[in-house]
Amino acid sequence: MLNYLTLIFFCQLVGEAFVATTGLPVPGPVLGMVLLFAGLSIRGSIPKDLDTVSGALLSNLSLLFVPAGTGIMVHLSLLAGDGIAVSVALVISTMATIAVTGLMMQALTRKKPGSVDDAE
């Protein structure tokens, strides 16, 4: 399992390095996640140990937000001046995310013409 944890961090490192060298306006971990996704897509399956490692990371994901929450509390005075703008941006981005997710779900779950319906 240590190999797969190393693989996850290696993909993040490659993403960070690529962003640092190219100046691409995308977070390095996002690029690393795309790289990992591409590798898994080519492979065609998710190894059992990688599923276990990623499940453990996801189950403890809330711990990774502690530094961000601490940073917000430390710089709360800076945030107070732009509180309305930040709140509006959060609401709009949340609504946009929900809308895009719903539209993608509809597009991906549409029945193909000629497909057999399970209810029949």
PDB file of N, CA and C in Angstrom:
ATOM      1  N   MET A   1       0.817  -1.196   0.000  1.00  0.00           N
ATOM      2  CA  MET A   1       0.000   0.000   0.000  1.00  0.00           C
ATOM      3  C   MET A   1       0.860   1.260   0.000  1.00  0.00           C
ATOM      4  N   LEU A   2       2.056   1.141   0.545  1.00  0.00           N
ATOM      5  CA  LEU A   2       2.956   2.280   0.549  1.00  0.00           C
ATOM      6  C   LEU A   2       3.308   2.701  -0.874  1.00  0.00           C
ATOM      7  N   ASN A   3       3.391   1.724  -1.778  1.00  0.00           N
ATOM      8  CA  ASN A   3       3.684   2.038  -3.179  1.00  0.00           C
ATOM      9  C   ASN A   3       2.602   2.936  -3.783  1.00  0.00           C
ATOM     10  N   TYR A   4       1.339   2.663  -3.462  1.00  0.00           N
ATOM     11  CA  TYR A   4       0.251   3.444  -4.039  1.00  0.00           C
ATOM     12  C   TYR A   4       0.149   4.828  -3.401  1.00  0.00           C
ATOM     13  N   LEU A   5       0.461   4.923  -2.112  1.00  0.00           N
ATOM     14  CA  LEU A   5       0.508   6.242  -1.482  1.00  0.00           C
ATOM     15  C   LEU A   5       1.626   7.066  -2.112  1.00  0.00           C
ATOM     16  N   THR A   6       2.750   6.427  -2.380  1.00  0.00           N
ATOM     17  CA  THR A   6       3.850   7.097  -3.068  1.00  0.00           C
ATOM     18  C   THR A   6       3.435   7.512  -4.473  1.00  0.00           C
ATOM     19  N   LEU A   7       2.672   6.678  -5.157  1.00  0.00           N
ATOM     20  CA  LEU A   7       2.181   7.013  -6.492  1.00  0.00           C
ATOM     21  C   LEU A   7       1.296   8.257  -6.464  1.00  0.00           C
ATOM     22  N   ILE A   8       0.406   8.335  -5.486  1.00  0.00           N
ATOM     23  CA  ILE A   8      -0.475   9.507  -5.364  1.00  0.00           C
ATOM     24  C   ILE A   8       0.355  10.768  -5.158  1.00  0.00           C
ATOM     25  N   PHE A   9       1.302  10.711  -4.242  1.00  0.00           N
ATOM     26  CA  PHE A   9       2.132  11.886  -3.978  1.00  0.00           C
ATOM     27  C   PHE A   9       3.054  12.198  -5.151  1.00  0.00           C
ATOM     28  N   PHE A  10       3.503  11.178  -5.864  1.00  0.00           N
ATOM     29  CA  PHE A  10       4.342  11.407  -7.033  1.00  0.00           C
ATOM     30  C   PHE A  10       3.558  12.139  -8.128  1.00  0.00           C
ATOM     31  N   CYS A  11       2.310  11.739  -8.335  1.00  0.00           N
ATOM     32  CA  CYS A  11       1.473  12.429  -9.323  1.00  0.00           C
ATOM     33  C   CYS A  11       1.278  13.895  -8.926  1.00  0.00           C
ATOM     34  N   GLN A  12       1.090  14.138  -7.626  1.00  0.00           N
ATOM     35  CA  GLN A  12       0.963  15.519  -7.159  1.00  0.00           C
ATOM     36  C   GLN A  12       2.263  16.284  -7.397  1.00  0.00           C
ATOM     37  N   LEU A  13       3.386  15.660  -7.127  1.00  0.00           N
ATOM     38  CA  LEU A  13       4.687  16.294  -7.343  1.00  0.00           C
ATOM     39  C   LEU A  13       4.903  16.628  -8.807  1.00  0.00           C
ATOM     40  N   VAL A  14       4.567  15.699  -9.697  1.00  0.00           N
ATOM     41  CA  VAL A  14       4.721  15.947 -11.134  1.00  0.00           C
ATOM     42  C   VAL A  14       3.818  17.104 -11.555  1.00  0.00           C
ATOM     43  N   GLY A  15       2.599  17.137 -11.034  1.00  0.00           N
ATOM     44  CA  GLY A  15       1.689  18.240 -11.345  1.00  0.00           C
ATOM     45  C   GLY A  15       2.232  19.572 -10.863  1.00  0.00           C
ATOM     46  N   GLU A  16       2.740  19.599  -9.640  1.00  0.00           N
ATOM     47  CA  GLU A  16       3.329  20.831  -9.083  1.00  0.00           C
ATOM     48  C   GLU A  16       4.538  21.275  -9.901  1.00  0.00           C
ATOM     49  N   ALA A  17       5.391  20.334 -10.255  1.00  0.00           N
ATOM     50  CA  ALA A  17       6.587  20.669 -11.035  1.00  0.00           C
ATOM     51  C   ALA A  17       6.200  21.216 -12.406  1.00  0.00           C
ATOM     52  N   PHE A  18       5.210  20.602 -13.041  1.00  0.00           N
ATOM     53  CA  PHE A  18       4.772  21.060 -14.355  1.00  0.00           C
ATOM     54  C   PHE A  18       4.209  22.474 -14.282  1.00  0.00           C
ATOM     55  N   VAL A  19       3.405  22.742 -13.264  1.00  0.00           N
ATOM     56  CA  VAL A  19       2.830  24.087 -13.097  1.00  0.00           C
ATOM     57  C   VAL A  19       3.935  25.097 -12.800  1.00  0.00           C
ATOM     58  N   ALA A  20       4.911  24.711 -11.985  1.00  0.00           N
ATOM     59  CA  ALA A  20       6.000  25.628 -11.645  1.00  0.00           C
ATOM     60  C   ALA A  20       6.861  25.962 -12.859  1.00  0.00           C
ATOM     61  N   THR A  21       7.073  24.999 -13.737  1.00  0.00           N
ATOM     62  CA  THR A  21       7.929  25.252 -14.892  1.00  0.00           C
ATOM     63  C   THR A  21       7.196  25.945 -16.034  1.00  0.00           C
ATOM     64  N   THR A  22       5.908  25.668 -16.170  1.00  0.00           N
ATOM     65  CA  THR A  22       5.168  26.262 -17.298  1.00  0.00           C
ATOM     66  C   THR A  22       4.396  27.513 -16.925  1.00  0.00           C
ATOM     67  N   GLY A  23       4.131  27.714 -15.635  1.00  0.00           N
ATOM     68  CA  GLY A  23       3.338  28.861 -15.216  1.00  0.00           C
ATOM     69  C   GLY A  23       1.860  28.698 -15.537  1.00  0.00           C
ATOM     70  N   LEU A  24       1.423  27.483 -15.780  1.00  0.00           N
ATOM     71  CA  LEU A  24       0.030  27.186 -16.087  1.00  0.00           C
ATOM     72  C   LEU A  24      -0.849  27.602 -14.899  1.00  0.00           C
ATOM     73  N   PRO A  25      -1.972  28.295 -15.155  1.00  0.00           N
ATOM     74  CA  PRO A  25      -2.801  28.776 -14.034  1.00  0.00           C
ATOM     75  C   PRO A  25      -3.753  27.703 -13.499  1.00  0.00           C
ATOM     76  N   VAL A  26      -3.228  26.525 -13.221  1.00  0.00           N
ATOM     77  CA  VAL A  26      -3.998  25.408 -12.679  1.00  0.00           C
ATOM     78  C   VAL A  26      -3.241  24.910 -11.447  1.00  0.00           C
ATOM     79  N   PRO A  27      -3.941  24.588 -10.365  1.00  0.00           N
ATOM     80  CA  PRO A  27      -3.233  24.047  -9.199  1.00  0.00           C
ATOM     81  C   PRO A  27      -2.511  22.746  -9.542  1.00  0.00           C
ATOM     82  N   GLY A  28      -1.317  22.600  -9.035  1.00  0.00           N
ATOM     83  CA  GLY A  28      -0.517  21.407  -9.291  1.00  0.00           C
ATOM     84  C   GLY A  28      -1.204  20.114  -8.899  1.00  0.00           C
ATOM     85  N   PRO A  29      -1.851  20.056  -7.704  1.00  0.00           N
ATOM     86  CA  PRO A  29      -2.531  18.816  -7.334  1.00  0.00           C
ATOM     87  C   PRO A  29      -3.655  18.436  -8.301  1.00  0.00           C
ATOM     88  N   VAL A  30      -4.316  19.420  -8.895  1.00  0.00           N
ATOM     89  CA  VAL A  30      -5.367  19.127  -9.872  1.00  0.00           C
ATOM     90  C   VAL A  30      -4.749  18.484 -11.106  1.00  0.00           C
ATOM     91  N   LEU A  31      -3.641  19.020 -11.548  1.00  0.00           N
ATOM     92  CA  LEU A  31      -2.946  18.438 -12.700  1.00  0.00           C
ATOM     93  C   LEU A  31      -2.445  17.028 -12.376  1.00  0.00           C
ATOM     94  N   GLY A  32      -1.959  16.836 -11.154  1.00  0.00           N
ATOM     95  CA  GLY A  32      -1.535  15.507 -10.724  1.00  0.00           C
ATOM     96  C   GLY A  32      -2.691  14.526 -10.694  1.00  0.00           C
ATOM     97  N   MET A  33      -3.873  15.005 -10.269  1.00  0.00           N
ATOM     98  CA  MET A  33      -5.049  14.151 -10.244  1.00  0.00           C
ATOM     99  C   MET A  33      -5.459  13.752 -11.659  1.00  0.00           C
ATOM    100  N   VAL A  34      -5.345  14.692 -12.593  1.00  0.00           N
ATOM    101  CA  VAL A  34      -5.642  14.392 -13.994  1.00  0.00           C
ATOM    102  C   VAL A  34      -4.655  13.352 -14.520  1.00  0.00           C
ATOM    103  N   LEU A  35      -3.403  13.484 -14.150  1.00  0.00           N
ATOM    104  CA  LEU A  35      -2.386  12.514 -14.560  1.00  0.00           C
ATOM    105  C   LEU A  35      -2.692  11.125 -14.001  1.00  0.00           C
ATOM    106  N   LEU A  36      -3.068  11.058 -12.731  1.00  0.00           N
ATOM    107  CA  LEU A  36      -3.421   9.776 -12.124  1.00  0.00           C
ATOM    108  C   LEU A  36      -4.661   9.187 -12.796  1.00  0.00           C
ATOM    109  N   PHE A  37      -5.653  10.034 -13.075  1.00  0.00           N
ATOM    110  CA  PHE A  37      -6.863   9.577 -13.751  1.00  0.00           C
ATOM    111  C   PHE A  37      -6.535   9.013 -15.137  1.00  0.00           C
ATOM    112  N   ALA A  38      -5.667   9.704 -15.857  1.00  0.00           N
ATOM    113  CA  ALA A  38      -5.285   9.236 -17.193  1.00  0.00           C
ATOM    114  C   ALA A  38      -4.593   7.875 -17.108  1.00  0.00           C
ATOM    115  N   GLY A  39      -3.714   7.729 -16.150  1.00  0.00           N
ATOM    116  CA  GLY A  39      -3.033   6.444 -15.982  1.00  0.00           C
ATOM    117  C   GLY A  39      -3.990   5.321 -15.636  1.00  0.00           C
ATOM    118  N   LEU A  40      -4.960   5.604 -14.763  1.00  0.00           N
ATOM    119  CA  LEU A  40      -5.941   4.587 -14.406  1.00  0.00           C
ATOM    120  C   LEU A  40      -6.877   4.276 -15.563  1.00  0.00           C
ATOM    121  N   SER A  41      -7.181   5.300 -16.366  1.00  0.00           N
ATOM    122  CA  SER A  41      -8.035   5.071 -17.541  1.00  0.00           C
ATOM    123  C   SER A  41      -7.330   4.176 -18.550  1.00  0.00           C
ATOM    124  N   ILE A  42      -6.053   4.407 -18.746  1.00  0.00           N
ATOM    125  CA  ILE A  42      -5.277   3.569 -19.664  1.00  0.00           C
ATOM    126  C   ILE A  42      -5.202   2.138 -19.132  1.00  0.00           C
ATOM    127  N   ARG A  43      -5.009   2.014 -17.833  1.00  0.00           N
ATOM    128  CA  ARG A  43      -4.929   0.688 -17.207  1.00  0.00           C
ATOM    129  C   ARG A  43      -6.271  -0.035 -17.284  1.00  0.00           C
ATOM    130  N   GLY A  44      -7.360   0.715 -17.145  1.00  0.00           N
ATOM    131  CA  GLY A  44      -8.689   0.132 -17.257  1.00  0.00           C
ATOM    132  C   GLY A  44      -9.318  -0.308 -15.955  1.00  0.00           C
ATOM    133  N   SER A  45      -8.585  -0.225 -14.861  1.00  0.00           N
ATOM    134  CA  SER A  45      -9.149  -0.616 -13.563  1.00  0.00           C
ATOM    135  C   SER A  45      -8.368   0.078 -12.451  1.00  0.00           C
ATOM    136  N   ILE A  46      -8.942   0.007 -11.261  1.00  0.00           N
ATOM    137  CA  ILE A  46      -8.287   0.580 -10.085  1.00  0.00           C
ATOM    138  C   ILE A  46      -7.767  -0.578  -9.236  1.00  0.00           C
ATOM    139  N   PRO A  47      -6.461  -0.614  -8.970  1.00  0.00           N
ATOM    140  CA  PRO A  47      -5.930  -1.691  -8.127  1.00  0.00           C
ATOM    141  C   PRO A  47      -6.565  -1.657  -6.733  1.00  0.00           C
ATOM    142  N   LYS A  48      -6.766  -2.834  -6.145  1.00  0.00           N
ATOM    143  CA  LYS A  48      -7.427  -2.942  -4.844  1.00  0.00           C
ATOM    144  C   LYS A  48      -6.689  -2.135  -3.770  1.00  0.00           C
ATOM    145  N   ASP A  49      -5.376  -2.208  -3.743  1.00  0.00           N
ATOM    146  CA  ASP A  49      -4.614  -1.468  -2.729  1.00  0.00           C
ATOM    147  C   ASP A  49      -4.726   0.040  -2.934  1.00  0.00           C
ATOM    148  N   LEU A  50      -4.781   0.502  -4.178  1.00  0.00           N
ATOM    149  CA  LEU A  50      -4.965   1.938  -4.430  1.00  0.00           C
ATOM    150  C   LEU A  50      -6.332   2.372  -3.943  1.00  0.00           C
ATOM    151  N   ASP A  51      -7.346   1.543  -4.128  1.00  0.00           N
ATOM    152  CA  ASP A  51      -8.685   1.842  -3.632  1.00  0.00           C
ATOM    153  C   ASP A  51      -8.679   1.950  -2.110  1.00  0.00           C
ATOM    154  N   THR A  52      -7.948   1.068  -1.455  1.00  0.00           N
ATOM    155  CA  THR A  52      -7.852   1.089   0.008  1.00  0.00           C
ATOM    156  C   THR A  52      -7.153   2.352   0.491  1.00  0.00           C
ATOM    157  N   VAL A  53      -6.029   2.697  -0.140  1.00  0.00           N
ATOM    158  CA  VAL A  53      -5.264   3.886   0.264  1.00  0.00           C
ATOM    159  C   VAL A  53      -6.081   5.150   0.028  1.00  0.00           C
ATOM    160  N   SER A  54      -6.703   5.258  -1.137  1.00  0.00           N
ATOM    161  CA  SER A  54      -7.482   6.459  -1.435  1.00  0.00           C
ATOM    162  C   SER A  54      -8.698   6.559  -0.527  1.00  0.00           C
ATOM    163  N   GLY A  55      -9.304   5.418  -0.181  1.00  0.00           N
ATOM    164  CA  GLY A  55     -10.431   5.423   0.756  1.00  0.00           C
ATOM    165  C   GLY A  55     -10.013   5.924   2.128  1.00  0.00           C
ATOM    166  N   ALA A  56      -8.830   5.512   2.577  1.00  0.00           N
ATOM    167  CA  ALA A  56      -8.327   5.982   3.872  1.00  0.00           C
ATOM    168  C   ALA A  56      -8.059   7.487   3.842  1.00  0.00           C
ATOM    169  N   LEU A  57      -7.502   7.980   2.733  1.00  0.00           N
ATOM    170  CA  LEU A  57      -7.268   9.426   2.612  1.00  0.00           C
ATOM    171  C   LEU A  57      -8.586  10.190   2.607  1.00  0.00           C
ATOM    172  N   LEU A  58      -9.551   9.699   1.863  1.00  0.00           N
ATOM    173  CA  LEU A  58     -10.845  10.384   1.785  1.00  0.00           C
ATOM    174  C   LEU A  58     -11.589  10.363   3.108  1.00  0.00           C
ATOM    175  N   SER A  59     -11.472   9.273   3.864  1.00  0.00           N
ATOM    176  CA  SER A  59     -12.170   9.205   5.148  1.00  0.00           C
ATOM    177  C   SER A  59     -11.576  10.175   6.173  1.00  0.00           C
ATOM    178  N   ASN A  60     -10.337  10.577   5.978  1.00  0.00           N
ATOM    179  CA  ASN A  60      -9.689  11.538   6.879  1.00  0.00           C
ATOM    180  C   ASN A  60      -9.500  12.905   6.226  1.00  0.00           C
ATOM    181  N   LEU A  61     -10.259  13.181   5.187  1.00  0.00           N
ATOM    182  CA  LEU A  61     -10.107  14.412   4.432  1.00  0.00           C
ATOM    183  C   LEU A  61     -10.349  15.661   5.281  1.00  0.00           C
ATOM    184  N   SER A  62     -11.232  15.554   6.257  1.00  0.00           N
ATOM    185  CA  SER A  62     -11.532  16.728   7.081  1.00  0.00           C
ATOM    186  C   SER A  62     -10.301  17.240   7.821  1.00  0.00           C
ATOM    187  N   LEU A  63      -9.363  16.363   8.131  1.00  0.00           N
ATOM    188  CA  LEU A  63      -8.133  16.796   8.800  1.00  0.00           C
ATOM    189  C   LEU A  63      -7.298  17.715   7.916  1.00  0.00           C
ATOM    190  N   LEU A  64      -7.418  17.550   6.599  1.00  0.00           N
ATOM    191  CA  LEU A  64      -6.632  18.369   5.684  1.00  0.00           C
ATOM    192  C   LEU A  64      -7.161  19.800   5.599  1.00  0.00           C
ATOM    193  N   PHE A  65      -8.389  20.028   6.080  1.00  0.00           N
ATOM    194  CA  PHE A  65      -8.950  21.373   6.053  1.00  0.00           C
ATOM    195  C   PHE A  65      -8.598  22.185   7.294  1.00  0.00           C
ATOM    196  N   VAL A  66      -7.991  21.569   8.299  1.00  0.00           N
ATOM    197  CA  VAL A  66      -7.631  22.280   9.517  1.00  0.00           C
ATOM    198  C   VAL A  66      -6.655  23.431   9.236  1.00  0.00           C
ATOM    199  N   PRO A  67      -5.586  23.252   8.453  1.00  0.00           N
ATOM    200  CA  PRO A  67      -4.697  24.383   8.173  1.00  0.00           C
ATOM    201  C   PRO A  67      -5.407  25.528   7.453  1.00  0.00           C
ATOM    202  N   ALA A  68      -6.301  25.211   6.530  1.00  0.00           N
ATOM    203  CA  ALA A  68      -7.032  26.268   5.823  1.00  0.00           C
ATOM    204  C   ALA A  68      -7.930  27.028   6.784  1.00  0.00           C
ATOM    205  N   GLY A  69      -8.610  26.316   7.661  1.00  0.00           N
ATOM    206  CA  GLY A  69      -9.463  26.969   8.658  1.00  0.00           C
ATOM    207  C   GLY A  69      -8.657  27.845   9.603  1.00  0.00           C
ATOM    208  N   THR A  70      -7.480  27.385   9.980  1.00  0.00           N
ATOM    209  CA  THR A  70      -6.603  28.178  10.841  1.00  0.00           C
ATOM    210  C   THR A  70      -6.148  29.435  10.117  1.00  0.00           C
ATOM    211  N   GLY A  71      -5.813  29.309   8.848  1.00  0.00           N
ATOM    212  CA  GLY A  71      -5.404  30.480   8.064  1.00  0.00           C
ATOM    213  C   GLY A  71      -6.512  31.504   7.951  1.00  0.00           C
ATOM    214  N   ILE A  72      -7.739  31.045   7.802  1.00  0.00           N
ATOM    215  CA  ILE A  72      -8.869  31.975   7.741  1.00  0.00           C
ATOM    216  C   ILE A  72      -9.023  32.709   9.059  1.00  0.00           C
ATOM    217  N   MET A  73      -8.888  32.005  10.161  1.00  0.00           N
ATOM    218  CA  MET A  73      -9.033  32.653  11.469  1.00  0.00           C
ATOM    219  C   MET A  73      -7.907  33.650  11.725  1.00  0.00           C
ATOM    220  N   VAL A  74      -6.714  33.339  11.265  1.00  0.00           N
ATOM    221  CA  VAL A  74      -5.582  34.244  11.464  1.00  0.00           C
ATOM    222  C   VAL A  74      -5.770  35.528  10.661  1.00  0.00           C
ATOM    223  N   HIS A  75      -6.318  35.405   9.454  1.00  0.00           N
ATOM    224  CA  HIS A  75      -6.483  36.566   8.572  1.00  0.00           C
ATOM    225  C   HIS A  75      -7.940  37.023   8.489  1.00  0.00           C
ATOM    226  N   LEU A  76      -8.678  36.833   9.576  1.00  0.00           N
ATOM    227  CA  LEU A  76     -10.092  37.183   9.592  1.00  0.00           C
ATOM    228  C   LEU A  76     -10.309  38.675   9.369  1.00  0.00           C
ATOM    229  N   SER A  77      -9.395  39.517   9.841  1.00  0.00           N
ATOM    230  CA  SER A  77      -9.546  40.967   9.653  1.00  0.00           C
ATOM    231  C   SER A  77      -9.459  41.332   8.171  1.00  0.00           C
ATOM    232  N   LEU A  78      -8.600  40.653   7.417  1.00  0.00           N
ATOM    233  CA  LEU A  78      -8.516  40.894   5.977  1.00  0.00           C
ATOM    234  C   LEU A  78      -9.793  40.444   5.281  1.00  0.00           C
ATOM    235  N   LEU A  79     -10.331  39.339   5.740  1.00  0.00           N
ATOM    236  CA  LEU A  79     -11.543  38.791   5.148  1.00  0.00           C
ATOM    237  C   LEU A  79     -12.759  39.654   5.450  1.00  0.00           C
ATOM    238  N   ALA A  80     -12.766  40.295   6.613  1.00  0.00           N
ATOM    239  CA  ALA A  80     -13.917  41.110   7.020  1.00  0.00           C
ATOM    240  C   ALA A  80     -14.159  42.257   6.044  1.00  0.00           C
ATOM    241  N   GLY A  81     -13.120  42.834   5.505  1.00  0.00           N
ATOM    242  CA  GLY A  81     -13.274  43.944   4.568  1.00  0.00           C
ATOM    243  C   GLY A  81     -13.899  43.520   3.251  1.00  0.00           C
ATOM    244  N   ASP A  82     -13.704  42.282   2.859  1.00  0.00           N
ATOM    245  CA  ASP A  82     -14.241  41.771   1.601  1.00  0.00           C
ATOM    246  C   ASP A  82     -15.270  40.672   1.838  1.00  0.00           C
ATOM    247  N   GLY A  83     -15.894  40.686   2.987  1.00  0.00           N
ATOM    248  CA  GLY A  83     -16.834  39.628   3.360  1.00  0.00           C
ATOM    249  C   GLY A  83     -17.996  39.478   2.404  1.00  0.00           C
ATOM    250  N   ILE A  84     -18.565  40.580   1.967  1.00  0.00           N
ATOM    251  CA  ILE A  84     -19.715  40.510   1.067  1.00  0.00           C
ATOM    252  C   ILE A  84     -19.291  39.930  -0.280  1.00  0.00           C
ATOM    253  N   ALA A  85     -18.182  40.406  -0.817  1.00  0.00           N
ATOM    254  CA  ALA A  85     -17.707  39.909  -2.108  1.00  0.00           C
ATOM    255  C   ALA A  85     -17.379  38.419  -2.037  1.00  0.00           C
ATOM    256  N   VAL A  86     -16.752  37.984  -0.963  1.00  0.00           N
ATOM    257  CA  VAL A  86     -16.412  36.571  -0.799  1.00  0.00           C
ATOM    258  C   VAL A  86     -17.687  35.739  -0.662  1.00  0.00           C
ATOM    259  N   SER A  87     -18.652  36.238   0.097  1.00  0.00           N
ATOM    260  CA  SER A  87     -19.911  35.514   0.273  1.00  0.00           C
ATOM    261  C   SER A  87     -20.664  35.371  -1.042  1.00  0.00           C
ATOM    262  N   VAL A  88     -20.726  36.453  -1.820  1.00  0.00           N
ATOM    263  CA  VAL A  88     -21.404  36.392  -3.118  1.00  0.00           C
ATOM    264  C   VAL A  88     -20.682  35.410  -4.041  1.00  0.00           C
ATOM    265  N   ALA A  89     -19.366  35.461  -4.043  1.00  0.00           N
ATOM    266  CA  ALA A  89     -18.598  34.537  -4.890  1.00  0.00           C
ATOM    267  C   ALA A  89     -18.827  33.089  -4.474  1.00  0.00           C
ATOM    268  N   LEU A  90     -18.898  32.826  -3.178  1.00  0.00           N
ATOM    269  CA  LEU A  90     -19.151  31.466  -2.697  1.00  0.00           C
ATOM    270  C   LEU A  90     -20.535  30.970  -3.111  1.00  0.00           C
ATOM    271  N   VAL A  91     -21.540  31.833  -2.972  1.00  0.00           N
ATOM    272  CA  VAL A  91     -22.907  31.432  -3.330  1.00  0.00           C
ATOM    273  C   VAL A  91     -23.012  31.169  -4.828  1.00  0.00           C
ATOM    274  N   ILE A  92     -22.472  32.074  -5.634  1.00  0.00           N
ATOM    275  CA  ILE A  92     -22.549  31.916  -7.093  1.00  0.00           C
ATOM    276  C   ILE A  92     -21.771  30.680  -7.550  1.00  0.00           C
ATOM    277  N   SER A  93     -20.574  30.474  -7.006  1.00  0.00           N
ATOM    278  CA  SER A  93     -19.789  29.310  -7.429  1.00  0.00           C
ATOM    279  C   SER A  93     -20.442  28.008  -6.977  1.00  0.00           C
ATOM    280  N   THR A  94     -21.095  28.009  -5.812  1.00  0.00           N
ATOM    281  CA  THR A  94     -21.806  26.815  -5.353  1.00  0.00           C
ATOM    282  C   THR A  94     -22.988  26.512  -6.265  1.00  0.00           C
ATOM    283  N   MET A  95     -23.753  27.553  -6.614  1.00  0.00           N
ATOM    284  CA  MET A  95     -24.893  27.353  -7.517  1.00  0.00           C
ATOM    285  C   MET A  95     -24.421  26.872  -8.888  1.00  0.00           C
ATOM    286  N   ALA A  96     -23.331  27.427  -9.384  1.00  0.00           N
ATOM    287  CA  ALA A  96     -22.796  27.006 -10.678  1.00  0.00           C
ATOM    288  C   ALA A  96     -22.332  25.552 -10.623  1.00  0.00           C
ATOM    289  N   THR A  97     -21.698  25.163  -9.537  1.00  0.00           N
ATOM    290  CA  THR A  97     -21.236  23.788  -9.383  1.00  0.00           C
ATOM    291  C   THR A  97     -22.411  22.818  -9.363  1.00  0.00           C
ATOM    292  N   ILE A  98     -23.459  23.166  -8.632  1.00  0.00           N
ATOM    293  CA  ILE A  98     -24.644  22.304  -8.573  1.00  0.00           C
ATOM    294  C   ILE A  98     -25.282  22.189  -9.950  1.00  0.00           C
ATOM    295  N   ALA A  99     -25.385  23.320 -10.660  1.00  0.00           N
ATOM    296  CA  ALA A  99     -25.998  23.303 -11.995  1.00  0.00           C
ATOM    297  C   ALA A  99     -25.186  22.463 -12.974  1.00  0.00           C
ATOM    298  N   VAL A 100     -23.881  22.648 -12.994  1.00  0.00           N
ATOM    299  CA  VAL A 100     -23.029  21.886 -13.916  1.00  0.00           C
ATOM    300  C   VAL A 100     -23.067  20.406 -13.571  1.00  0.00           C
ATOM    301  N   THR A 101     -23.045  20.076 -12.292  1.00  0.00           N
ATOM    302  CA  THR A 101     -23.109  18.676 -11.876  1.00  0.00           C
ATOM    303  C   THR A 101     -24.427  18.045 -12.317  1.00  0.00           C
ATOM    304  N   GLY A 102     -25.528  18.772 -12.135  1.00  0.00           N
ATOM    305  CA  GLY A 102     -26.827  18.257 -12.561  1.00  0.00           C
ATOM    306  C   GLY A 102     -26.901  18.053 -14.061  1.00  0.00           C
ATOM    307  N   LEU A 103     -26.417  19.028 -14.817  1.00  0.00           N
ATOM    308  CA  LEU A 103     -26.432  18.907 -16.275  1.00  0.00           C
ATOM    309  C   LEU A 103     -25.550  17.756 -16.758  1.00  0.00           C
ATOM    310  N   MET A 104     -24.388  17.599 -16.152  1.00  0.00           N
ATOM    311  CA  MET A 104     -23.500  16.491 -16.513  1.00  0.00           C
ATOM    312  C   MET A 104     -24.140  15.154 -16.177  1.00  0.00           C
ATOM    313  N   MET A 105     -24.810  15.084 -15.032  1.00  0.00           N
ATOM    314  CA  MET A 105     -25.471  13.844 -14.636  1.00  0.00           C
ATOM    315  C   MET A 105     -26.568  13.486 -15.629  1.00  0.00           C
ATOM    316  N   GLN A 106     -27.343  14.484 -16.042  1.00  0.00           N
ATOM    317  CA  GLN A 106     -28.390  14.239 -17.035  1.00  0.00           C
ATOM    318  C   GLN A 106     -27.787  13.779 -18.361  1.00  0.00           C
ATOM    319  N   ALA A 107     -26.734  14.440 -18.785  1.00  0.00           N
ATOM    320  CA  ALA A 107     -26.116  14.095 -20.064  1.00  0.00           C
ATOM    321  C   ALA A 107     -25.510  12.696 -20.038  1.00  0.00           C
ATOM    322  N   LEU A 108     -24.935  12.321 -18.924  1.00  0.00           N
ATOM    323  CA  LEU A 108     -24.262  11.022 -18.845  1.00  0.00           C
ATOM    324  C   LEU A 108     -25.211   9.861 -18.587  1.00  0.00           C
ATOM    325  N   THR A 109     -26.406  10.144 -18.079  1.00  0.00           N
ATOM    326  CA  THR A 109     -27.340   9.062 -17.778  1.00  0.00           C
ATOM    327  C   THR A 109     -28.463   8.950 -18.793  1.00  0.00           C
ATOM    328  N   ARG A 110     -28.432   9.742 -19.868  1.00  0.00           N
ATOM    329  CA  ARG A 110     -29.436   9.638 -20.922  1.00  0.00           C
ATOM    330  C   ARG A 110     -29.409   8.260 -21.550  1.00  0.00           C
ATOM    331  N   LYS A 111     -30.589   7.743 -21.786  1.00  0.00           N
ATOM    332  CA  LYS A 111     -30.667   6.429 -22.441  1.00  0.00           C
ATOM    333  C   LYS A 111     -30.337   6.576 -23.910  1.00  0.00           C
ATOM    334  N   LYS A 112     -29.589   5.633 -24.413  1.00  0.00           N
ATOM    335  CA  LYS A 112     -29.241   5.622 -25.826  1.00  0.00           C
ATOM    336  C   LYS A 112     -30.413   5.062 -26.623  1.00  0.00           C
ATOM    337  N   PRO A 113     -30.627   5.544 -27.833  1.00  0.00           N
ATOM    338  CA  PRO A 113     -31.702   4.988 -28.659  1.00  0.00           C
ATOM    339  C   PRO A 113     -31.488   3.500 -28.905  1.00  0.00           C
ATOM    340  N   GLY A 114     -32.545   2.733 -28.713  1.00  0.00           N
ATOM    341  CA  GLY A 114     -32.451   1.293 -28.954  1.00  0.00           C
ATOM    342  C   GLY A 114     -31.980   0.501 -27.754  1.00  0.00           C
ATOM    343  N   SER A 115     -31.699   1.181 -26.623  1.00  0.00           N
ATOM    344  CA  SER A 115     -31.246   0.434 -25.451  1.00  0.00           C
ATOM    345  C   SER A 115     -32.444  -0.218 -24.767  1.00  0.00           C
ATOM    346  N   VAL A 116     -32.188  -1.324 -24.084  1.00  0.00           N
ATOM    347  CA  VAL A 116     -33.235  -2.065 -23.407  1.00  0.00           C
ATOM    348  C   VAL A 116     -33.495  -1.430 -22.047  1.00  0.00           C
ATOM    349  N   ASP A 117     -34.763  -1.144 -21.759  1.00  0.00           N
ATOM    350  CA  ASP A 117     -35.137  -0.547 -20.485  1.00  0.00           C
ATOM    351  C   ASP A 117     -35.251  -1.656 -19.440  1.00  0.00           C
ATOM    352  N   ASP A 118     -34.714  -1.441 -18.252  1.00  0.00           N
ATOM    353  CA  ASP A 118     -34.753  -2.448 -17.192  1.00  0.00           C
ATOM    354  C   ASP A 118     -36.175  -2.714 -16.707  1.00  0.00           C
ATOM    355  N   ALA A 119     -37.077  -1.706 -16.831  1.00  0.00           N
ATOM    356  CA  ALA A 119     -38.445  -1.845 -16.325  1.00  0.00           C
ATOM    357  C   ALA A 119     -39.287  -2.755 -17.199  1.00  0.00           C
ATOM    358  N   GLU A 120     -38.908  -2.983 -18.419  1.00  0.00           N
ATOM    359  CA  GLU A 120     -39.729  -3.785 -19.329  1.00  0.00           C
ATOM    360  C   GLU A 120     -39.627  -5.251 -19.053  1.00  0.00           C
TER     361      GLU A 120
END
